[in-house]
């Protein structure tokens, strides 16, 4: 079995020049080597810092800069719920780890917001 570069017929050349079964451009079909899947990255990296969400800055950090802490806190809450909800139906352990990652980010943002509020209240009191 082969492939003709002129007519793209797999079973042989349709033009059959010079009484030959195939023309000069007929090539045998090359069977590709067995496909080997690439090694899967560690599940922790796929959860905490997936490559497709990383650039100069982490995606979620850019979201804080663009949309503010409160919006990203709500985003994290929704993702915690989503990943816990679907864990038994989809990716199990990976989804639980993603939910934990978003919960950690939510708690980090809560602490950040609390410390900013404390600084703000101290500054307001000091300058009164």
N, C-alpha and C. Protein backbone atom coordinates (compact mmCIF):
# COMPACT_ATOMS: atom_id res chain seq x y z
N UNK A 1 0.85 -1.16 0.00
CA UNK A 1 0.00 0.00 0.00
C UNK A 1 0.90 1.23 0.00
N UNK A 2 0.45 2.28 -0.71
CA UNK A 2 1.25 3.49 -0.78
C UNK A 2 0.39 4.70 -1.09
N UNK A 3 1.05 5.83 -1.37
CA UNK A 3 0.37 7.08 -1.63
C UNK A 3 1.01 7.75 -2.83
N UNK A 4 0.20 8.14 -3.78
CA UNK A 4 0.69 8.85 -4.95
C UNK A 4 0.67 10.35 -4.64
N UNK A 5 1.82 11.03 -4.84
CA UNK A 5 1.91 12.47 -4.57
C UNK A 5 1.08 13.28 -5.56
N UNK A 6 0.80 12.73 -6.74
CA UNK A 6 0.02 13.45 -7.75
C UNK A 6 -1.48 13.37 -7.49
N UNK A 7 -1.98 12.18 -7.29
CA UNK A 7 -3.43 12.04 -7.17
C UNK A 7 -3.89 11.72 -5.75
N UNK A 8 -2.99 11.50 -4.82
CA UNK A 8 -3.29 11.23 -3.41
C UNK A 8 -4.14 9.98 -3.21
N UNK A 9 -4.07 9.07 -4.12
CA UNK A 9 -4.81 7.82 -4.00
C UNK A 9 -3.99 6.84 -3.17
N UNK A 10 -4.56 6.30 -2.12
CA UNK A 10 -3.83 5.39 -1.25
C UNK A 10 -3.65 4.01 -1.87
N UNK A 11 -4.60 3.57 -2.68
CA UNK A 11 -4.54 2.22 -3.22
C UNK A 11 -3.72 2.09 -4.49
N UNK A 12 -3.05 3.12 -4.88
CA UNK A 12 -2.26 3.09 -6.10
C UNK A 12 -2.57 4.32 -6.93
N UNK A 13 -1.75 4.58 -7.92
CA UNK A 13 -1.90 5.78 -8.72
C UNK A 13 -3.00 5.62 -9.75
N UNK A 14 -3.87 6.62 -9.85
CA UNK A 14 -4.95 6.59 -10.83
C UNK A 14 -4.43 6.84 -12.24
N UNK A 15 -3.30 7.55 -12.35
CA UNK A 15 -2.82 7.91 -13.69
C UNK A 15 -2.11 6.75 -14.38
N UNK A 16 -1.48 5.86 -13.64
CA UNK A 16 -0.81 4.66 -14.18
C UNK A 16 -0.06 4.96 -15.47
N UNK A 17 0.93 5.85 -15.38
CA UNK A 17 1.71 6.25 -16.54
C UNK A 17 2.60 5.11 -17.02
N UNK A 18 2.86 5.09 -18.28
CA UNK A 18 3.76 4.13 -18.92
C UNK A 18 3.42 2.69 -18.60
N UNK A 19 2.16 2.39 -18.39
CA UNK A 19 1.75 1.01 -18.14
C UNK A 19 2.16 0.48 -16.79
N UNK A 20 2.74 1.33 -15.96
CA UNK A 20 3.13 0.89 -14.62
C UNK A 20 1.93 0.94 -13.69
N UNK A 21 2.01 0.20 -12.63
CA UNK A 21 0.95 0.22 -11.63
C UNK A 21 0.86 1.60 -10.97
N UNK A 22 2.01 2.25 -10.72
CA UNK A 22 2.05 3.57 -10.10
C UNK A 22 2.95 4.49 -10.92
N UNK A 23 2.74 5.80 -10.78
CA UNK A 23 3.61 6.75 -11.46
C UNK A 23 4.88 6.97 -10.63
N UNK A 24 5.77 7.80 -11.13
CA UNK A 24 7.07 8.02 -10.48
C UNK A 24 6.93 8.70 -9.11
N UNK A 25 5.83 9.40 -8.87
CA UNK A 25 5.69 10.09 -7.58
C UNK A 25 5.05 9.21 -6.51
N UNK A 26 4.74 7.97 -6.84
CA UNK A 26 4.14 7.06 -5.87
C UNK A 26 5.14 6.74 -4.76
N UNK A 27 4.71 6.87 -3.51
CA UNK A 27 5.57 6.58 -2.36
C UNK A 27 4.86 5.60 -1.44
N UNK A 28 5.60 4.66 -0.88
CA UNK A 28 4.97 3.78 0.11
C UNK A 28 4.51 4.58 1.32
N UNK A 29 3.45 4.13 1.94
CA UNK A 29 2.94 4.81 3.13
C UNK A 29 3.90 4.55 4.28
N UNK A 30 4.29 5.63 4.94
CA UNK A 30 5.16 5.51 6.10
C UNK A 30 4.29 5.40 7.34
N UNK A 31 4.48 4.36 8.10
CA UNK A 31 3.73 4.17 9.33
C UNK A 31 4.49 4.90 10.44
N UNK A 32 3.83 5.86 11.09
CA UNK A 32 4.51 6.63 12.13
C UNK A 32 4.91 5.75 13.31
N UNK A 33 5.98 6.14 14.00
CA UNK A 33 6.39 5.35 15.18
C UNK A 33 5.30 5.40 16.24
N UNK A 34 5.34 4.43 17.12
CA UNK A 34 4.35 4.36 18.19
C UNK A 34 4.37 5.66 19.00
N UNK A 35 3.19 6.21 19.25
CA UNK A 35 3.06 7.44 20.01
C UNK A 35 3.32 7.16 21.48
N UNK A 36 4.18 7.96 22.06
CA UNK A 36 4.44 7.85 23.49
C UNK A 36 4.00 9.14 24.15
N UNK A 37 3.11 9.03 25.10
CA UNK A 37 2.61 10.21 25.80
C UNK A 37 3.73 10.84 26.61
N UNK A 38 3.78 12.16 26.65
CA UNK A 38 4.80 12.81 27.47
C UNK A 38 4.55 12.54 28.94
N UNK A 39 5.61 12.65 29.72
CA UNK A 39 5.46 12.44 31.16
C UNK A 39 4.54 13.51 31.72
N UNK A 40 3.67 13.09 32.60
CA UNK A 40 2.74 14.03 33.23
C UNK A 40 3.46 14.77 34.34
N UNK A 41 3.27 16.09 34.42
CA UNK A 41 3.89 16.83 35.51
C UNK A 41 3.26 16.43 36.84
N UNK A 42 3.97 16.70 37.89
CA UNK A 42 3.49 16.38 39.22
C UNK A 42 2.14 17.05 39.46
N UNK A 43 1.22 16.35 40.12
CA UNK A 43 -0.13 16.87 40.31
C UNK A 43 -0.11 18.19 41.07
N UNK A 44 0.82 18.35 42.03
CA UNK A 44 0.88 19.59 42.81
C UNK A 44 1.14 20.79 41.92
N UNK A 45 2.03 20.67 40.94
CA UNK A 45 2.33 21.78 40.04
C UNK A 45 1.14 22.07 39.13
N UNK A 46 0.43 21.04 38.71
CA UNK A 46 -0.74 21.24 37.87
C UNK A 46 -1.86 21.93 38.64
N UNK A 47 -1.83 21.83 39.96
CA UNK A 47 -2.87 22.43 40.80
C UNK A 47 -2.46 23.82 41.24
N UNK A 48 -1.30 23.94 41.88
CA UNK A 48 -0.90 25.22 42.48
C UNK A 48 -0.37 26.24 41.49
N UNK A 49 0.40 25.80 40.54
CA UNK A 49 1.02 26.73 39.59
C UNK A 49 1.03 26.14 38.18
N UNK A 50 -0.14 25.93 37.59
CA UNK A 50 -0.15 25.35 36.24
C UNK A 50 0.53 26.29 35.25
N UNK A 51 1.28 25.71 34.36
CA UNK A 51 2.06 26.48 33.39
C UNK A 51 1.18 27.40 32.55
N UNK A 52 -0.03 26.95 32.22
CA UNK A 52 -0.90 27.75 31.36
C UNK A 52 -1.49 28.97 32.07
N UNK A 53 -1.28 29.11 33.38
CA UNK A 53 -1.73 30.30 34.10
C UNK A 53 -0.55 31.14 34.59
N UNK A 54 0.64 30.83 34.13
CA UNK A 54 1.82 31.54 34.60
C UNK A 54 2.47 32.30 33.46
N UNK A 55 2.89 33.48 33.77
CA UNK A 55 3.64 34.31 32.84
C UNK A 55 4.60 35.10 33.69
N UNK A 56 4.72 36.38 33.42
CA UNK A 56 5.55 37.22 34.27
C UNK A 56 4.95 37.23 35.68
N UNK A 57 3.61 37.25 35.76
CA UNK A 57 2.90 37.20 37.04
C UNK A 57 1.92 36.04 36.99
N UNK A 58 1.58 35.51 38.17
CA UNK A 58 0.54 34.50 38.25
C UNK A 58 -0.78 35.15 37.83
N UNK A 59 -1.62 34.41 37.16
CA UNK A 59 -2.91 34.91 36.69
C UNK A 59 -3.73 35.49 37.84
N UNK A 60 -3.79 34.78 38.94
CA UNK A 60 -4.65 35.23 40.05
C UNK A 60 -4.12 36.52 40.66
N UNK A 61 -2.81 36.72 40.64
CA UNK A 61 -2.24 37.97 41.15
C UNK A 61 -2.58 39.14 40.23
N UNK A 62 -2.61 38.89 38.94
CA UNK A 62 -3.04 39.93 38.00
C UNK A 62 -4.51 40.26 38.21
N UNK A 63 -5.30 39.24 38.53
CA UNK A 63 -6.73 39.47 38.79
C UNK A 63 -6.91 40.40 39.99
N UNK A 64 -6.10 40.22 41.02
CA UNK A 64 -6.18 41.10 42.19
C UNK A 64 -5.88 42.53 41.77
N UNK A 65 -4.83 42.70 40.95
CA UNK A 65 -4.45 44.04 40.51
C UNK A 65 -5.54 44.67 39.64
N UNK A 66 -6.18 43.87 38.80
CA UNK A 66 -7.18 44.40 37.87
C UNK A 66 -8.57 44.59 38.49
N UNK A 67 -9.00 43.61 39.30
CA UNK A 67 -10.38 43.59 39.77
C UNK A 67 -10.53 43.89 41.26
N UNK A 68 -9.43 43.84 41.99
CA UNK A 68 -9.47 44.11 43.42
C UNK A 68 -9.59 42.85 44.25
N UNK A 69 -9.23 42.98 45.52
CA UNK A 69 -9.21 41.85 46.45
C UNK A 69 -10.60 41.24 46.63
N UNK A 70 -11.61 42.08 46.80
CA UNK A 70 -12.96 41.57 47.08
C UNK A 70 -13.47 40.69 45.94
N UNK A 71 -13.28 41.11 44.70
CA UNK A 71 -13.73 40.32 43.55
C UNK A 71 -13.01 38.98 43.47
N UNK A 72 -11.71 38.99 43.73
CA UNK A 72 -10.94 37.75 43.65
C UNK A 72 -11.28 36.83 44.81
N UNK A 73 -11.63 37.39 45.97
CA UNK A 73 -12.09 36.55 47.08
C UNK A 73 -13.36 35.80 46.67
N UNK A 74 -14.28 36.48 46.03
CA UNK A 74 -15.51 35.83 45.57
C UNK A 74 -15.21 34.78 44.49
N UNK A 75 -14.27 35.08 43.61
CA UNK A 75 -13.83 34.12 42.60
C UNK A 75 -13.30 32.86 43.28
N UNK A 76 -12.47 33.05 44.31
CA UNK A 76 -11.91 31.90 45.03
C UNK A 76 -13.01 31.09 45.72
N UNK A 77 -13.97 31.78 46.34
CA UNK A 77 -15.09 31.08 47.00
C UNK A 77 -15.85 30.21 46.00
N UNK A 78 -16.13 30.77 44.84
CA UNK A 78 -16.86 30.02 43.82
C UNK A 78 -16.07 28.82 43.34
N UNK A 79 -14.76 28.98 43.18
CA UNK A 79 -13.94 27.85 42.74
C UNK A 79 -13.80 26.78 43.81
N UNK A 80 -13.72 27.17 45.08
CA UNK A 80 -13.70 26.18 46.16
C UNK A 80 -14.97 25.34 46.07
N UNK A 81 -16.10 25.99 45.93
CA UNK A 81 -17.37 25.27 45.84
C UNK A 81 -17.40 24.36 44.61
N UNK A 82 -17.02 24.92 43.46
CA UNK A 82 -17.08 24.17 42.21
C UNK A 82 -16.23 22.90 42.28
N UNK A 83 -14.98 23.03 42.71
CA UNK A 83 -14.08 21.87 42.72
C UNK A 83 -14.49 20.83 43.76
N UNK A 84 -15.02 21.26 44.87
CA UNK A 84 -15.51 20.28 45.86
C UNK A 84 -16.77 19.59 45.35
N UNK A 85 -17.62 20.34 44.70
CA UNK A 85 -18.87 19.79 44.17
C UNK A 85 -18.61 18.71 43.13
N UNK A 86 -17.66 18.96 42.22
CA UNK A 86 -17.45 18.02 41.12
C UNK A 86 -16.41 16.93 41.40
N UNK A 87 -15.75 16.99 42.54
CA UNK A 87 -14.66 16.05 42.83
C UNK A 87 -15.08 14.59 42.70
N UNK A 88 -16.24 14.23 43.18
CA UNK A 88 -16.68 12.83 43.11
C UNK A 88 -17.13 12.43 41.71
N UNK A 89 -17.31 13.41 40.83
CA UNK A 89 -17.81 13.12 39.49
C UNK A 89 -16.74 13.23 38.41
N UNK A 90 -15.62 13.89 38.74
CA UNK A 90 -14.66 14.16 37.68
C UNK A 90 -13.24 13.74 38.08
N UNK A 91 -12.44 14.70 38.59
CA UNK A 91 -11.02 14.43 38.80
C UNK A 91 -10.63 14.11 40.24
N UNK A 92 -11.58 13.85 41.10
CA UNK A 92 -11.33 13.38 42.45
C UNK A 92 -10.26 14.14 43.21
N UNK A 93 -9.13 13.49 43.42
CA UNK A 93 -8.03 14.04 44.22
C UNK A 93 -7.53 15.38 43.67
N UNK A 94 -7.42 15.47 42.36
CA UNK A 94 -6.94 16.71 41.74
C UNK A 94 -7.91 17.86 42.02
N UNK A 95 -9.21 17.60 41.95
CA UNK A 95 -10.20 18.64 42.23
C UNK A 95 -10.17 19.06 43.70
N UNK A 96 -9.98 18.12 44.60
CA UNK A 96 -9.88 18.45 46.03
C UNK A 96 -8.66 19.33 46.26
N UNK A 97 -7.56 19.00 45.61
CA UNK A 97 -6.34 19.81 45.76
C UNK A 97 -6.54 21.22 45.18
N UNK A 98 -7.26 21.32 44.08
CA UNK A 98 -7.56 22.64 43.52
C UNK A 98 -8.43 23.45 44.48
N UNK A 99 -9.42 22.79 45.07
CA UNK A 99 -10.28 23.47 46.04
C UNK A 99 -9.45 23.97 47.22
N UNK A 100 -8.53 23.14 47.69
CA UNK A 100 -7.66 23.55 48.80
C UNK A 100 -6.78 24.73 48.40
N UNK A 101 -6.30 24.72 47.18
CA UNK A 101 -5.46 25.81 46.68
C UNK A 101 -6.24 27.13 46.67
N UNK A 102 -7.48 27.09 46.19
CA UNK A 102 -8.31 28.29 46.18
C UNK A 102 -8.69 28.73 47.59
N UNK A 103 -8.87 27.77 48.50
CA UNK A 103 -9.16 28.12 49.89
C UNK A 103 -7.96 28.81 50.52
N UNK A 104 -6.76 28.30 50.23
CA UNK A 104 -5.54 28.94 50.75
C UNK A 104 -5.41 30.37 50.22
N UNK A 105 -5.70 30.56 48.93
CA UNK A 105 -5.62 31.90 48.34
C UNK A 105 -6.68 32.81 48.98
N UNK A 106 -7.87 32.29 49.22
CA UNK A 106 -8.93 33.06 49.87
C UNK A 106 -8.47 33.50 51.26
N UNK A 107 -7.90 32.59 52.02
CA UNK A 107 -7.43 32.92 53.37
C UNK A 107 -6.29 33.93 53.31
N UNK A 108 -5.42 33.80 52.33
CA UNK A 108 -4.33 34.76 52.14
C UNK A 108 -4.88 36.16 51.85
N UNK A 109 -5.89 36.21 51.00
CA UNK A 109 -6.51 37.50 50.67
C UNK A 109 -7.25 38.09 51.87
N UNK A 110 -7.87 37.24 52.68
CA UNK A 110 -8.54 37.70 53.91
C UNK A 110 -7.53 38.35 54.85
N UNK A 111 -6.38 37.68 55.03
CA UNK A 111 -5.33 38.23 55.90
C UNK A 111 -4.80 39.54 55.34
N UNK A 112 -4.61 39.59 54.03
CA UNK A 112 -4.13 40.81 53.38
C UNK A 112 -5.11 41.95 53.61
N UNK A 113 -6.38 41.66 53.41
CA UNK A 113 -7.42 42.67 53.59
C UNK A 113 -7.49 43.14 55.05
N UNK A 114 -7.38 42.18 56.00
CA UNK A 114 -7.39 42.53 57.42
C UNK A 114 -6.21 43.42 57.78
N UNK A 115 -5.03 43.08 57.28
CA UNK A 115 -3.85 43.89 57.61
C UNK A 115 -3.95 45.27 56.98
N UNK A 116 -4.50 45.38 55.78
CA UNK A 116 -4.69 46.68 55.14
C UNK A 116 -5.70 47.52 55.92
N UNK A 117 -6.76 46.88 56.42
CA UNK A 117 -7.77 47.59 57.21
C UNK A 117 -7.17 48.08 58.54
N UNK A 118 -6.32 47.25 59.15
CA UNK A 118 -5.68 47.65 60.41
C UNK A 118 -4.76 48.84 60.19
N UNK A 119 -3.99 48.81 59.12
CA UNK A 119 -3.09 49.92 58.81
C UNK A 119 -3.90 51.16 58.52
N UNK A 120 -4.98 51.01 57.77
CA UNK A 120 -5.83 52.14 57.43
C UNK A 120 -6.46 52.76 58.68
N UNK A 121 -6.94 51.94 59.62
CA UNK A 121 -7.55 52.45 60.84
C UNK A 121 -6.51 53.11 61.74
N UNK A 122 -5.28 52.57 61.78
CA UNK A 122 -4.23 53.18 62.58
C UNK A 122 -3.85 54.53 62.00
N UNK A 123 -3.76 54.62 60.67
CA UNK A 123 -3.40 55.87 60.01
C UNK A 123 -4.48 56.91 60.25
N UNK A 124 -5.74 56.52 60.16
CA UNK A 124 -6.85 57.44 60.37
C UNK A 124 -6.83 57.97 61.79
N UNK A 125 -6.60 57.06 62.77
CA UNK A 125 -6.55 57.46 64.18
C UNK A 125 -5.37 58.39 64.44
N UNK A 126 -4.23 58.09 63.87
CA UNK A 126 -3.01 58.86 64.10
C UNK A 126 -3.14 60.30 63.58
N UNK A 127 -3.80 60.45 62.44
CA UNK A 127 -3.88 61.77 61.83
C UNK A 127 -5.10 62.59 62.27
N UNK A 128 -5.90 62.09 63.20
CA UNK A 128 -7.07 62.85 63.67
C UNK A 128 -6.68 63.96 64.59
